[in-house]
mmCIF file of all heavy atoms, coordinates in Angstrom:
data_MODEL
# 
_entry.id   MODEL 
# 
loop_
_atom_site.group_PDB 
_atom_site.id 
_atom_site.type_symbol 
_atom_site.label_atom_id 
_atom_site.label_alt_id 
_atom_site.label_comp_id 
_atom_site.label_asym_id 
_atom_site.label_entity_id 
_atom_site.label_seq_id 
_atom_site.pdbx_PDB_ins_code 
_atom_site.Cartn_x 
_atom_site.Cartn_y 
_atom_site.Cartn_z 
_atom_site.occupancy 
_atom_site.B_iso_or_equiv 
_atom_site.pdbx_formal_charge 
_atom_site.auth_seq_id 
_atom_site.auth_comp_id 
_atom_site.auth_asym_id 
_atom_site.auth_atom_id 
_atom_site.pdbx_PDB_model_num 
ATOM 1   N N   . LEU A 1 1  ? -15.153 2.157  -23.717 1.00 0.00 ? 1  LEU A N   1 
ATOM 2   C CA  . LEU A 1 1  ? -15.655 3.567  -23.770 1.00 0.00 ? 1  LEU A CA  1 
ATOM 3   C C   . LEU A 1 1  ? -14.784 4.350  -24.737 1.00 0.00 ? 1  LEU A C   1 
ATOM 4   O O   . LEU A 1 1  ? -15.460 5.108  -25.563 1.00 0.00 ? 1  LEU A O   1 
ATOM 5   C CB  . LEU A 1 1  ? -15.625 4.184  -22.464 1.00 0.00 ? 1  LEU A CB  1 
ATOM 6   C CG  . LEU A 1 1  ? -16.622 3.867  -21.383 1.00 0.00 ? 1  LEU A CG  1 
ATOM 7   C CD1 . LEU A 1 1  ? -16.374 4.559  -20.059 1.00 0.00 ? 1  LEU A CD1 1 
ATOM 8   C CD2 . LEU A 1 1  ? -18.006 4.025  -21.912 1.00 0.00 ? 1  LEU A CD2 1 
ATOM 9   N N   . LEU A 1 2  ? -13.570 4.292  -24.765 1.00 0.00 ? 2  LEU A N   1 
ATOM 10  C CA  . LEU A 1 2  ? -12.751 4.937  -25.692 1.00 0.00 ? 2  LEU A CA  1 
ATOM 11  C C   . LEU A 1 2  ? -12.920 4.532  -27.128 1.00 0.00 ? 2  LEU A C   1 
ATOM 12  O O   . LEU A 1 2  ? -13.133 5.362  -28.010 1.00 0.00 ? 2  LEU A O   1 
ATOM 13  C CB  . LEU A 1 2  ? -11.250 4.678  -25.384 1.00 0.00 ? 2  LEU A CB  1 
ATOM 14  C CG  . LEU A 1 2  ? -10.597 5.511  -24.197 1.00 0.00 ? 2  LEU A CG  1 
ATOM 15  C CD1 . LEU A 1 2  ? -9.277  5.092  -23.766 1.00 0.00 ? 2  LEU A CD1 1 
ATOM 16  C CD2 . LEU A 1 2  ? -10.541 7.023  -24.533 1.00 0.00 ? 2  LEU A CD2 1 
ATOM 17  N N   . ASP A 1 3  ? -13.071 3.222  -27.421 1.00 0.00 ? 3  ASP A N   1 
ATOM 18  C CA  . ASP A 1 3  ? -13.328 2.647  -28.749 1.00 0.00 ? 3  ASP A CA  1 
ATOM 19  C C   . ASP A 1 3  ? -14.693 3.092  -29.113 1.00 0.00 ? 3  ASP A C   1 
ATOM 20  O O   . ASP A 1 3  ? -14.761 3.468  -30.343 1.00 0.00 ? 3  ASP A O   1 
ATOM 21  C CB  . ASP A 1 3  ? -13.306 1.206  -28.704 1.00 0.00 ? 3  ASP A CB  1 
ATOM 22  C CG  . ASP A 1 3  ? -11.905 0.631  -28.465 1.00 0.00 ? 3  ASP A CG  1 
ATOM 23  O OD1 . ASP A 1 3  ? -10.908 1.386  -28.498 1.00 0.00 ? 3  ASP A OD1 1 
ATOM 24  O OD2 . ASP A 1 3  ? -11.685 -0.685 -28.217 1.00 0.00 ? 3  ASP A OD2 1 
ATOM 25  N N   . GLY A 1 4  ? -15.627 3.112  -28.367 1.00 0.00 ? 4  GLY A N   1 
ATOM 26  C CA  . GLY A 1 4  ? -17.079 3.592  -28.769 1.00 0.00 ? 4  GLY A CA  1 
ATOM 27  C C   . GLY A 1 4  ? -17.370 5.061  -28.846 1.00 0.00 ? 4  GLY A C   1 
ATOM 28  O O   . GLY A 1 4  ? -18.339 5.444  -29.320 1.00 0.00 ? 4  GLY A O   1 
ATOM 29  N N   . HIS A 1 5  ? -16.326 5.884  -28.405 1.00 0.00 ? 5  HIS A N   1 
ATOM 30  C CA  . HIS A 1 5  ? -16.558 7.196  -28.414 1.00 0.00 ? 5  HIS A CA  1 
ATOM 31  C C   . HIS A 1 5  ? -15.352 7.982  -29.077 1.00 0.00 ? 5  HIS A C   1 
ATOM 32  O O   . HIS A 1 5  ? -14.908 8.986  -28.534 1.00 0.00 ? 5  HIS A O   1 
ATOM 33  C CB  . HIS A 1 5  ? -16.775 7.860  -27.004 1.00 0.00 ? 5  HIS A CB  1 
ATOM 34  C CG  . HIS A 1 5  ? -18.074 7.334  -26.364 1.00 0.00 ? 5  HIS A CG  1 
ATOM 35  N ND1 . HIS A 1 5  ? -18.185 6.092  -25.684 1.00 0.00 ? 5  HIS A ND1 1 
ATOM 36  C CD2 . HIS A 1 5  ? -19.298 7.831  -26.462 1.00 0.00 ? 5  HIS A CD2 1 
ATOM 37  C CE1 . HIS A 1 5  ? -19.319 5.917  -25.292 1.00 0.00 ? 5  HIS A CE1 1 
ATOM 38  N NE2 . HIS A 1 5  ? -20.145 7.035  -25.724 1.00 0.00 ? 5  HIS A NE2 1 
ATOM 39  N N   . SER A 1 6  ? -14.847 7.385  -30.071 1.00 0.00 ? 6  SER A N   1 
ATOM 40  C CA  . SER A 1 6  ? -13.604 7.889  -30.755 1.00 0.00 ? 6  SER A CA  1 
ATOM 41  C C   . SER A 1 6  ? -13.789 9.301  -31.272 1.00 0.00 ? 6  SER A C   1 
ATOM 42  O O   . SER A 1 6  ? -12.843 10.093 -31.574 1.00 0.00 ? 6  SER A O   1 
ATOM 43  C CB  . SER A 1 6  ? -13.050 7.072  -31.670 1.00 0.00 ? 6  SER A CB  1 
ATOM 44  O OG  . SER A 1 6  ? -14.023 6.733  -32.734 1.00 0.00 ? 6  SER A OG  1 
ATOM 45  N N   . ASP A 1 7  ? -15.088 9.666  -31.460 1.00 0.00 ? 7  ASP A N   1 
ATOM 46  C CA  . ASP A 1 7  ? -15.286 10.987 -32.101 1.00 0.00 ? 7  ASP A CA  1 
ATOM 47  C C   . ASP A 1 7  ? -15.332 12.167 -31.029 1.00 0.00 ? 7  ASP A C   1 
ATOM 48  O O   . ASP A 1 7  ? -15.526 13.342 -31.281 1.00 0.00 ? 7  ASP A O   1 
ATOM 49  C CB  . ASP A 1 7  ? -16.653 11.001 -32.773 1.00 0.00 ? 7  ASP A CB  1 
ATOM 50  C CG  . ASP A 1 7  ? -17.809 10.578 -31.930 1.00 0.00 ? 7  ASP A CG  1 
ATOM 51  O OD1 . ASP A 1 7  ? -17.555 9.756  -31.006 1.00 0.00 ? 7  ASP A OD1 1 
ATOM 52  O OD2 . ASP A 1 7  ? -18.908 11.165 -32.090 1.00 0.00 ? 7  ASP A OD2 1 
ATOM 53  N N   . LYS A 1 8  ? -15.270 11.743 -29.715 1.00 0.00 ? 8  LYS A N   1 
ATOM 54  C CA  . LYS A 1 8  ? -15.391 12.722 -28.672 1.00 0.00 ? 8  LYS A CA  1 
ATOM 55  C C   . LYS A 1 8  ? -13.932 13.058 -28.310 1.00 0.00 ? 8  LYS A C   1 
ATOM 56  O O   . LYS A 1 8  ? -13.065 12.434 -28.422 1.00 0.00 ? 8  LYS A O   1 
ATOM 57  C CB  . LYS A 1 8  ? -16.065 12.031 -27.466 1.00 0.00 ? 8  LYS A CB  1 
ATOM 58  C CG  . LYS A 1 8  ? -17.478 11.443 -27.715 1.00 0.00 ? 8  LYS A CG  1 
ATOM 59  C CD  . LYS A 1 8  ? -18.416 12.565 -27.946 1.00 0.00 ? 8  LYS A CD  1 
ATOM 60  C CE  . LYS A 1 8  ? -19.751 11.961 -28.093 1.00 0.00 ? 8  LYS A CE  1 
ATOM 61  N NZ  . LYS A 1 8  ? -20.272 11.678 -29.324 1.00 0.00 ? 8  LYS A NZ  1 
ATOM 62  N N   . ASN A 1 9  ? -13.884 14.249 -27.603 1.00 0.00 ? 9  ASN A N   1 
ATOM 63  C CA  . ASN A 1 9  ? -12.607 14.730 -27.122 1.00 0.00 ? 9  ASN A CA  1 
ATOM 64  C C   . ASN A 1 9  ? -12.337 14.151 -25.796 1.00 0.00 ? 9  ASN A C   1 
ATOM 65  O O   . ASN A 1 9  ? -12.768 14.782 -24.568 1.00 0.00 ? 9  ASN A O   1 
ATOM 66  C CB  . ASN A 1 9  ? -12.708 16.227 -27.023 1.00 0.00 ? 9  ASN A CB  1 
ATOM 67  C CG  . ASN A 1 9  ? -11.304 16.883 -26.598 1.00 0.00 ? 9  ASN A CG  1 
ATOM 68  O OD1 . ASN A 1 9  ? -10.302 16.187 -26.781 1.00 0.00 ? 9  ASN A OD1 1 
ATOM 69  N ND2 . ASN A 1 9  ? -11.276 18.077 -26.235 1.00 0.00 ? 9  ASN A ND2 1 
ATOM 70  N N   . LEU A 1 10 ? -11.853 12.998 -25.688 1.00 0.00 ? 10 LEU A N   1 
ATOM 71  C CA  . LEU A 1 10 ? -11.587 12.294 -24.466 1.00 0.00 ? 10 LEU A CA  1 
ATOM 72  C C   . LEU A 1 10 ? -10.043 12.356 -23.976 1.00 0.00 ? 10 LEU A C   1 
ATOM 73  O O   . LEU A 1 10 ? -9.218  12.391 -24.884 1.00 0.00 ? 10 LEU A O   1 
ATOM 74  C CB  . LEU A 1 10 ? -11.947 10.822 -24.639 1.00 0.00 ? 10 LEU A CB  1 
ATOM 75  C CG  . LEU A 1 10 ? -13.498 10.471 -24.939 1.00 0.00 ? 10 LEU A CG  1 
ATOM 76  C CD1 . LEU A 1 10 ? -13.643 9.031  -25.056 1.00 0.00 ? 10 LEU A CD1 1 
ATOM 77  C CD2 . LEU A 1 10 ? -14.326 11.145 -24.020 1.00 0.00 ? 10 LEU A CD2 1 
ATOM 78  N N   . GLN A 1 11 ? -9.771  12.319 -22.717 1.00 0.00 ? 11 GLN A N   1 
ATOM 79  C CA  . GLN A 1 11 ? -8.410  12.448 -22.320 1.00 0.00 ? 11 GLN A CA  1 
ATOM 80  C C   . GLN A 1 11 ? -8.146  11.160 -21.587 1.00 0.00 ? 11 GLN A C   1 
ATOM 81  O O   . GLN A 1 11 ? -9.103  10.692 -20.792 1.00 0.00 ? 11 GLN A O   1 
ATOM 82  C CB  . GLN A 1 11 ? -8.113  13.618 -21.399 1.00 0.00 ? 11 GLN A CB  1 
ATOM 83  C CG  . GLN A 1 11 ? -8.472  15.035 -22.028 1.00 0.00 ? 11 GLN A CG  1 
ATOM 84  C CD  . GLN A 1 11 ? -8.276  16.094 -20.928 1.00 0.00 ? 11 GLN A CD  1 
ATOM 85  O OE1 . GLN A 1 11 ? -7.121  16.592 -20.812 1.00 0.00 ? 11 GLN A OE1 1 
ATOM 86  N NE2 . GLN A 1 11 ? -9.353  16.444 -20.298 1.00 0.00 ? 11 GLN A NE2 1 
ATOM 87  N N   . VAL A 1 12 ? -6.916  10.685 -21.607 1.00 0.00 ? 12 VAL A N   1 
ATOM 88  C CA  . VAL A 1 12 ? -6.530  9.507  -20.821 1.00 0.00 ? 12 VAL A CA  1 
ATOM 89  C C   . VAL A 1 12 ? -5.437  9.909  -19.927 1.00 0.00 ? 12 VAL A C   1 
ATOM 90  O O   . VAL A 1 12 ? -4.461  10.490 -20.307 1.00 0.00 ? 12 VAL A O   1 
ATOM 91  C CB  . VAL A 1 12 ? -6.041  8.347  -21.934 1.00 0.00 ? 12 VAL A CB  1 
ATOM 92  C CG1 . VAL A 1 12 ? -5.558  7.166  -21.152 1.00 0.00 ? 12 VAL A CG1 1 
ATOM 93  C CG2 . VAL A 1 12 ? -7.071  7.974  -22.867 1.00 0.00 ? 12 VAL A CG2 1 
ATOM 94  N N   . VAL A 1 13 ? -5.527  9.630  -18.626 1.00 0.00 ? 13 VAL A N   1 
ATOM 95  C CA  . VAL A 1 13 ? -4.644  9.937  -17.564 1.00 0.00 ? 13 VAL A CA  1 
ATOM 96  C C   . VAL A 1 13 ? -3.408  9.057  -17.888 1.00 0.00 ? 13 VAL A C   1 
ATOM 97  O O   . VAL A 1 13 ? -3.440  7.848  -18.038 1.00 0.00 ? 13 VAL A O   1 
ATOM 98  C CB  . VAL A 1 13 ? -5.119  9.708  -16.194 1.00 0.00 ? 13 VAL A CB  1 
ATOM 99  C CG1 . VAL A 1 13 ? -4.044  9.971  -15.154 1.00 0.00 ? 13 VAL A CG1 1 
ATOM 100 C CG2 . VAL A 1 13 ? -6.278  10.643 -15.898 1.00 0.00 ? 13 VAL A CG2 1 
ATOM 101 N N   . SER A 1 14 ? -2.151  9.680  -17.911 1.00 0.00 ? 14 SER A N   1 
ATOM 102 C CA  . SER A 1 14 ? -0.936  8.758  -18.088 1.00 0.00 ? 14 SER A CA  1 
ATOM 103 C C   . SER A 1 14 ? -0.800  7.773  -17.081 1.00 0.00 ? 14 SER A C   1 
ATOM 104 O O   . SER A 1 14 ? -1.073  8.124  -15.810 1.00 0.00 ? 14 SER A O   1 
ATOM 105 C CB  . SER A 1 14 ? 0.254   9.726  -18.069 1.00 0.00 ? 14 SER A CB  1 
ATOM 106 O OG  . SER A 1 14 ? 0.269   10.635 -19.193 1.00 0.00 ? 14 SER A OG  1 
ATOM 107 N N   . PRO A 1 15 ? -0.420  6.603  -17.490 1.00 0.00 ? 15 PRO A N   1 
ATOM 108 C CA  . PRO A 1 15 ? -0.340  5.450  -16.490 1.00 0.00 ? 15 PRO A CA  1 
ATOM 109 C C   . PRO A 1 15 ? 0.774   5.592  -15.454 1.00 0.00 ? 15 PRO A C   1 
ATOM 110 O O   . PRO A 1 15 ? 0.751   5.025  -14.376 1.00 0.00 ? 15 PRO A O   1 
ATOM 111 C CB  . PRO A 1 15 ? -0.201  4.199  -17.357 1.00 0.00 ? 15 PRO A CB  1 
ATOM 112 C CG  . PRO A 1 15 ? 0.445   4.730  -18.605 1.00 0.00 ? 15 PRO A CG  1 
ATOM 113 C CD  . PRO A 1 15 ? -0.212  6.158  -18.820 1.00 0.00 ? 15 PRO A CD  1 
ATOM 114 N N   . SER A 1 16 ? 1.803   6.438  -15.863 1.00 0.00 ? 16 SER A N   1 
ATOM 115 C CA  . SER A 1 16 ? 2.893   6.557  -14.974 1.00 0.00 ? 16 SER A CA  1 
ATOM 116 C C   . SER A 1 16 ? 3.264   8.125  -14.863 1.00 0.00 ? 16 SER A C   1 
ATOM 117 O O   . SER A 1 16 ? 3.433   8.707  -15.858 1.00 0.00 ? 16 SER A O   1 
ATOM 118 C CB  . SER A 1 16 ? 4.138   5.746  -15.463 1.00 0.00 ? 16 SER A CB  1 
ATOM 119 O OG  . SER A 1 16 ? 5.124   6.010  -14.467 1.00 0.00 ? 16 SER A OG  1 
ATOM 120 N N   . ILE A 1 17 ? 3.251   8.564  -13.577 1.00 0.00 ? 17 ILE A N   1 
ATOM 121 C CA  . ILE A 1 17 ? 3.631   10.019 -13.339 1.00 0.00 ? 17 ILE A CA  1 
ATOM 122 C C   . ILE A 1 17 ? 4.666   10.073 -12.399 1.00 0.00 ? 17 ILE A C   1 
ATOM 123 O O   . ILE A 1 17 ? 4.702   9.672  -11.267 1.00 0.00 ? 17 ILE A O   1 
ATOM 124 C CB  . ILE A 1 17 ? 2.311   10.718 -12.678 1.00 0.00 ? 17 ILE A CB  1 
ATOM 125 C CG1 . ILE A 1 17 ? 1.082   10.449 -13.616 1.00 0.00 ? 17 ILE A CG1 1 
ATOM 126 C CG2 . ILE A 1 17 ? 2.540   12.213 -12.499 1.00 0.00 ? 17 ILE A CG2 1 
ATOM 127 C CD1 . ILE A 1 17 ? -0.252  10.683 -12.784 1.00 0.00 ? 17 ILE A CD1 1 
ATOM 128 N N   . ASP A 1 18 ? 5.788   10.489 -13.047 1.00 0.00 ? 18 ASP A N   1 
ATOM 129 C CA  . ASP A 1 18 ? 7.099   10.710 -12.182 1.00 0.00 ? 18 ASP A CA  1 
ATOM 130 C C   . ASP A 1 18 ? 7.491   9.384  -11.562 1.00 0.00 ? 18 ASP A C   1 
ATOM 131 O O   . ASP A 1 18 ? 7.759   9.351  -10.339 1.00 0.00 ? 18 ASP A O   1 
ATOM 132 C CB  . ASP A 1 18 ? 6.954   11.686 -11.158 1.00 0.00 ? 18 ASP A CB  1 
ATOM 133 C CG  . ASP A 1 18 ? 6.799   13.169 -11.716 1.00 0.00 ? 18 ASP A CG  1 
ATOM 134 O OD1 . ASP A 1 18 ? 7.359   13.378 -12.944 1.00 0.00 ? 18 ASP A OD1 1 
ATOM 135 O OD2 . ASP A 1 18 ? 6.069   13.913 -11.133 1.00 0.00 ? 18 ASP A OD2 1 
ATOM 136 N N   . GLY A 1 19 ? 7.221   8.227  -12.285 1.00 0.00 ? 19 GLY A N   1 
ATOM 137 C CA  . GLY A 1 19 ? 7.472   6.887  -11.718 1.00 0.00 ? 19 GLY A CA  1 
ATOM 138 C C   . GLY A 1 19 ? 6.465   6.320  -10.841 1.00 0.00 ? 19 GLY A C   1 
ATOM 139 O O   . GLY A 1 19 ? 6.548   5.232  -10.257 1.00 0.00 ? 19 GLY A O   1 
ATOM 140 N N   . LYS A 1 20 ? 5.318   6.973  -10.644 1.00 0.00 ? 20 LYS A N   1 
ATOM 141 C CA  . LYS A 1 20 ? 4.230   6.610  -9.798  1.00 0.00 ? 20 LYS A CA  1 
ATOM 142 C C   . LYS A 1 20 ? 3.015   6.251  -10.681 1.00 0.00 ? 20 LYS A C   1 
ATOM 143 O O   . LYS A 1 20 ? 2.719   7.046  -11.670 1.00 0.00 ? 20 LYS A O   1 
ATOM 144 C CB  . LYS A 1 20 ? 3.864   7.595  -8.729  1.00 0.00 ? 20 LYS A CB  1 
ATOM 145 C CG  . LYS A 1 20 ? 4.930   8.095  -7.915  1.00 0.00 ? 20 LYS A CG  1 
ATOM 146 C CD  . LYS A 1 20 ? 4.611   9.156  -7.016  1.00 0.00 ? 20 LYS A CD  1 
ATOM 147 C CE  . LYS A 1 20 ? 5.720   9.981  -6.422  1.00 0.00 ? 20 LYS A CE  1 
ATOM 148 N NZ  . LYS A 1 20 ? 5.891   11.324 -7.114  1.00 0.00 ? 20 LYS A NZ  1 
ATOM 149 N N   . SER A 1 21 ? 2.317   5.265  -10.392 1.00 0.00 ? 21 SER A N   1 
ATOM 150 C CA  . SER A 1 21 ? 1.083   4.801  -11.183 1.00 0.00 ? 21 SER A CA  1 
ATOM 151 C C   . SER A 1 21 ? -0.060  4.738  -10.239 1.00 0.00 ? 21 SER A C   1 
ATOM 152 O O   . SER A 1 21 ? 0.054   4.456  -9.030  1.00 0.00 ? 21 SER A O   1 
ATOM 153 C CB  . SER A 1 21 ? 1.352   3.604  -11.808 1.00 0.00 ? 21 SER A CB  1 
ATOM 154 O OG  . SER A 1 21 ? 2.244   3.580  -12.712 1.00 0.00 ? 21 SER A OG  1 
ATOM 155 N N   . PHE A 1 22 ? -1.292  5.095  -10.718 1.00 0.00 ? 22 PHE A N   1 
ATOM 156 C CA  . PHE A 1 22 ? -2.542  4.946  -9.929  1.00 0.00 ? 22 PHE A CA  1 
ATOM 157 C C   . PHE A 1 22 ? -2.840  3.464  -9.675  1.00 0.00 ? 22 PHE A C   1 
ATOM 158 O O   . PHE A 1 22 ? -2.620  2.655  -10.541 1.00 0.00 ? 22 PHE A O   1 
ATOM 159 C CB  . PHE A 1 22 ? -3.706  5.661  -10.667 1.00 0.00 ? 22 PHE A CB  1 
ATOM 160 C CG  . PHE A 1 22 ? -3.726  7.103  -10.501 1.00 0.00 ? 22 PHE A CG  1 
ATOM 161 C CD1 . PHE A 1 22 ? -3.177  7.908  -11.489 1.00 0.00 ? 22 PHE A CD1 1 
ATOM 162 C CD2 . PHE A 1 22 ? -4.312  7.717  -9.389  1.00 0.00 ? 22 PHE A CD2 1 
ATOM 163 C CE1 . PHE A 1 22 ? -3.185  9.231  -11.374 1.00 0.00 ? 22 PHE A CE1 1 
ATOM 164 C CE2 . PHE A 1 22 ? -4.242  9.054  -9.324  1.00 0.00 ? 22 PHE A CE2 1 
ATOM 165 C CZ  . PHE A 1 22 ? -3.737  9.769  -10.251 1.00 0.00 ? 22 PHE A CZ  1 
ATOM 166 N N   . LYS A 1 23 ? -3.234  3.160  -8.453  1.00 0.00 ? 23 LYS A N   1 
ATOM 167 C CA  . LYS A 1 23 ? -3.671  1.834  -7.996  1.00 0.00 ? 23 LYS A CA  1 
ATOM 168 C C   . LYS A 1 23 ? -5.009  1.881  -7.405  1.00 0.00 ? 23 LYS A C   1 
ATOM 169 O O   . LYS A 1 23 ? -5.482  2.768  -6.824  1.00 0.00 ? 23 LYS A O   1 
ATOM 170 C CB  . LYS A 1 23 ? -2.624  1.359  -6.965  1.00 0.00 ? 23 LYS A CB  1 
ATOM 171 C CG  . LYS A 1 23 ? -1.195  1.199  -7.416  1.00 0.00 ? 23 LYS A CG  1 
ATOM 172 C CD  . LYS A 1 23 ? -0.304  0.921  -6.268  1.00 0.00 ? 23 LYS A CD  1 
ATOM 173 C CE  . LYS A 1 23 ? 1.154   0.946  -6.632  1.00 0.00 ? 23 LYS A CE  1 
ATOM 174 N NZ  . LYS A 1 23 ? 1.716   2.271  -6.813  1.00 0.00 ? 23 LYS A NZ  1 
ATOM 175 N N   . ASN A 1 24 ? -5.730  0.712  -7.579  1.00 0.00 ? 24 ASN A N   1 
ATOM 176 C CA  . ASN A 1 24 ? -7.106  0.573  -6.968  1.00 0.00 ? 24 ASN A CA  1 
ATOM 177 C C   . ASN A 1 24 ? -6.921  0.217  -5.471  1.00 0.00 ? 24 ASN A C   1 
ATOM 178 O O   . ASN A 1 24 ? -6.091  -0.625 -5.137  1.00 0.00 ? 24 ASN A O   1 
ATOM 179 C CB  . ASN A 1 24 ? -7.818  -0.516 -7.691  1.00 0.00 ? 24 ASN A CB  1 
ATOM 180 C CG  . ASN A 1 24 ? -8.585  0.023  -8.898  1.00 0.00 ? 24 ASN A CG  1 
ATOM 181 O OD1 . ASN A 1 24 ? -9.253  0.998  -8.809  1.00 0.00 ? 24 ASN A OD1 1 
ATOM 182 N ND2 . ASN A 1 24 ? -8.338  -0.730 -9.990  1.00 0.00 ? 24 ASN A ND2 1 
ATOM 183 N N   . PHE A 1 25 ? -7.743  0.861  -4.598  1.00 0.00 ? 25 PHE A N   1 
ATOM 184 C CA  . PHE A 1 25 ? -7.749  0.571  -3.191  1.00 0.00 ? 25 PHE A CA  1 
ATOM 185 C C   . PHE A 1 25 ? -8.988  0.167  -2.708  1.00 0.00 ? 25 PHE A C   1 
ATOM 186 O O   . PHE A 1 25 ? -9.211  -0.439 -1.563  1.00 0.00 ? 25 PHE A O   1 
ATOM 187 C CB  . PHE A 1 25 ? -7.086  1.752  -2.464  1.00 0.00 ? 25 PHE A CB  1 
ATOM 188 C CG  . PHE A 1 25 ? -5.634  1.924  -2.620  1.00 0.00 ? 25 PHE A CG  1 
ATOM 189 C CD1 . PHE A 1 25 ? -5.164  2.835  -3.538  1.00 0.00 ? 25 PHE A CD1 1 
ATOM 190 C CD2 . PHE A 1 25 ? -4.692  1.093  -1.884  1.00 0.00 ? 25 PHE A CD2 1 
ATOM 191 C CE1 . PHE A 1 25 ? -3.754  3.021  -3.711  1.00 0.00 ? 25 PHE A CE1 1 
ATOM 192 C CE2 . PHE A 1 25 ? -3.382  1.369  -2.161  1.00 0.00 ? 25 PHE A CE2 1 
ATOM 193 C CZ  . PHE A 1 25 ? -2.828  2.187  -3.083  1.00 0.00 ? 25 PHE A CZ  1 
ATOM 194 N N   . GLY A 1 26 ? -10.142 0.627  -3.376  1.00 0.00 ? 26 GLY A N   1 
ATOM 195 C CA  . GLY A 1 26 ? -11.442 0.371  -2.886  1.00 0.00 ? 26 GLY A CA  1 
ATOM 196 C C   . GLY A 1 26 ? -12.022 -0.976 -3.390  1.00 0.00 ? 26 GLY A C   1 
ATOM 197 O O   . GLY A 1 26 ? -11.536 -1.635 -4.308  1.00 0.00 ? 26 GLY A O   1 
ATOM 198 N N   . ALA A 1 27 ? -13.178 -1.399 -2.890  1.00 0.00 ? 27 ALA A N   1 
ATOM 199 C CA  . ALA A 1 27 ? -13.817 -2.712 -3.272  1.00 0.00 ? 27 ALA A CA  1 
ATOM 200 C C   . ALA A 1 27 ? -14.483 -2.389 -4.633  1.00 0.00 ? 27 ALA A C   1 
ATOM 201 O O   . ALA A 1 27 ? -14.653 -3.458 -5.423  1.00 0.00 ? 27 ALA A O   1 
ATOM 202 C CB  . ALA A 1 27 ? -14.846 -3.107 -2.258  1.00 0.00 ? 27 ALA A CB  1 
ATOM 203 N N   . ARG A 1 28 ? -14.828 -1.144 -4.985  1.00 0.00 ? 28 ARG A N   1 
ATOM 204 C CA  . ARG A 1 28 ? -15.502 -0.945 -6.242  1.00 0.00 ? 28 ARG A CA  1 
ATOM 205 C C   . ARG A 1 28 ? -14.319 -0.627 -7.256  1.00 0.00 ? 28 ARG A C   1 
ATOM 206 O O   . ARG A 1 28 ? -13.792 0.458  -7.313  1.00 0.00 ? 28 ARG A O   1 
ATOM 207 C CB  . ARG A 1 28 ? -16.421 0.204  -6.224  1.00 0.00 ? 28 ARG A CB  1 
ATOM 208 C CG  . ARG A 1 28 ? -17.250 0.370  -7.446  1.00 0.00 ? 28 ARG A CG  1 
ATOM 209 C CD  . ARG A 1 28 ? -18.156 1.683  -7.252  1.00 0.00 ? 28 ARG A CD  1 
ATOM 210 N NE  . ARG A 1 28 ? -19.276 1.398  -6.297  1.00 0.00 ? 28 ARG A NE  1 
ATOM 211 C CZ  . ARG A 1 28 ? -20.224 2.368  -6.015  1.00 0.00 ? 28 ARG A CZ  1 
ATOM 212 N NH1 . ARG A 1 28 ? -20.199 3.534  -6.696  1.00 0.00 ? 28 ARG A NH1 1 
ATOM 213 N NH2 . ARG A 1 28 ? -21.072 2.153  -5.113  1.00 0.00 ? 28 ARG A NH2 1 
ATOM 214 N N   . ILE A 1 29 ? -14.051 -1.590 -8.151  1.00 0.00 ? 29 ILE A N   1 
ATOM 215 C CA  . ILE A 1 29 ? -12.956 -1.454 -9.079  1.00 0.00 ? 29 ILE A CA  1 
ATOM 216 C C   . ILE A 1 29 ? -13.331 -0.566 -10.305 1.00 0.00 ? 29 ILE A C   1 
ATOM 217 O O   . ILE A 1 29 ? -12.468 0.174  -10.839 1.00 0.00 ? 29 ILE A O   1 
ATOM 218 C CB  . ILE A 1 29 ? -12.517 -2.876 -9.588  1.00 0.00 ? 29 ILE A CB  1 
ATOM 219 C CG1 . ILE A 1 29 ? -12.079 -3.804 -8.408  1.00 0.00 ? 29 ILE A CG1 1 
ATOM 220 C CG2 . ILE A 1 29 ? -11.359 -2.827 -10.593 1.00 0.00 ? 29 ILE A CG2 1 
ATOM 221 C CD1 . ILE A 1 29 ? -10.996 -3.201 -7.580  1.00 0.00 ? 29 ILE A CD1 1 
ATOM 222 N N   . THR A 1 30 ? -14.535 -0.645 -10.742 1.00 0.00 ? 30 THR A N   1 
ATOM 223 C CA  . THR A 1 30 ? -14.988 0.032  -11.849 1.00 0.00 ? 30 THR A CA  1 
ATOM 224 C C   . THR A 1 30 ? -16.023 1.209  -11.371 1.00 0.00 ? 30 THR A C   1 
ATOM 225 O O   . THR A 1 30 ? -16.909 0.908  -10.729 1.00 0.00 ? 30 THR A O   1 
ATOM 226 C CB  . THR A 1 30 ? -15.789 -0.769 -12.975 1.00 0.00 ? 30 THR A CB  1 
ATOM 227 O OG1 . THR A 1 30 ? -14.774 -1.821 -13.291 1.00 0.00 ? 30 THR A OG1 1 
ATOM 228 C CG2 . THR A 1 30 ? -16.227 -0.009 -14.085 1.00 0.00 ? 30 THR A CG2 1 
ATOM 229 N N   . PHE A 1 31 ? -15.624 2.485  -11.614 1.00 0.00 ? 31 PHE A N   1 
ATOM 230 C CA  . PHE A 1 31 ? -16.497 3.536  -11.150 1.00 0.00 ? 31 PHE A CA  1 
ATOM 231 C C   . PHE A 1 31 ? -16.295 4.752  -12.006 1.00 0.00 ? 31 PHE A C   1 
ATOM 232 O O   . PHE A 1 31 ? -15.386 4.898  -12.693 1.00 0.00 ? 31 PHE A O   1 
ATOM 233 C CB  . PHE A 1 31 ? -16.170 3.920  -9.618  1.00 0.00 ? 31 PHE A CB  1 
ATOM 234 C CG  . PHE A 1 31 ? -14.794 4.364  -9.386  1.00 0.00 ? 31 PHE A CG  1 
ATOM 235 C CD1 . PHE A 1 31 ? -14.471 5.760  -9.357  1.00 0.00 ? 31 PHE A CD1 1 
ATOM 236 C CD2 . PHE A 1 31 ? -13.685 3.481  -9.272  1.00 0.00 ? 31 PHE A CD2 1 
ATOM 237 C CE1 . PHE A 1 31 ? -13.189 6.282  -9.047  1.00 0.00 ? 31 PHE A CE1 1 
ATOM 238 C CE2 . PHE A 1 31 ? -12.447 4.002  -9.039  1.00 0.00 ? 31 PHE A CE2 1 
ATOM 239 C CZ  . PHE A 1 31 ? -12.241 5.321  -8.877  1.00 0.00 ? 31 PHE A CZ  1 
ATOM 240 N N   . GLY A 1 32 ? -17.364 5.584  -11.850 1.00 0.00 ? 32 GLY A N   1 
ATOM 241 C CA  . GLY A 1 32 ? -17.194 6.857  -12.634 1.00 0.00 ? 32 GLY A CA  1 
ATOM 242 C C   . GLY A 1 32 ? -18.380 7.727  -12.251 1.00 0.00 ? 32 GLY A C   1 
ATOM 243 O O   . GLY A 1 32 ? -19.203 7.404  -11.484 1.00 0.00 ? 32 GLY A O   1 
ATOM 244 N N   . GLY A 1 33 ? -18.370 8.944  -12.767 1.00 0.00 ? 33 GLY A N   1 
ATOM 245 C CA  . GLY A 1 33 ? -19.356 9.945  -12.495 1.00 0.00 ? 33 GLY A CA  1 
ATOM 246 C C   . GLY A 1 33 ? -18.852 11.405 -12.754 1.00 0.00 ? 33 GLY A C   1 
ATOM 247 O O   . GLY A 1 33 ? -17.842 11.679 -13.281 1.00 0.00 ? 33 GLY A O   1 
# 
């Protein structure tokens, strides 16, 4: 998505925040909306 929309103003959430990273917990690994 990032590669295909490089002309858009997209933001990427930092992978580590104060030493904590987001982890997947649900059965649906890929999601959006």
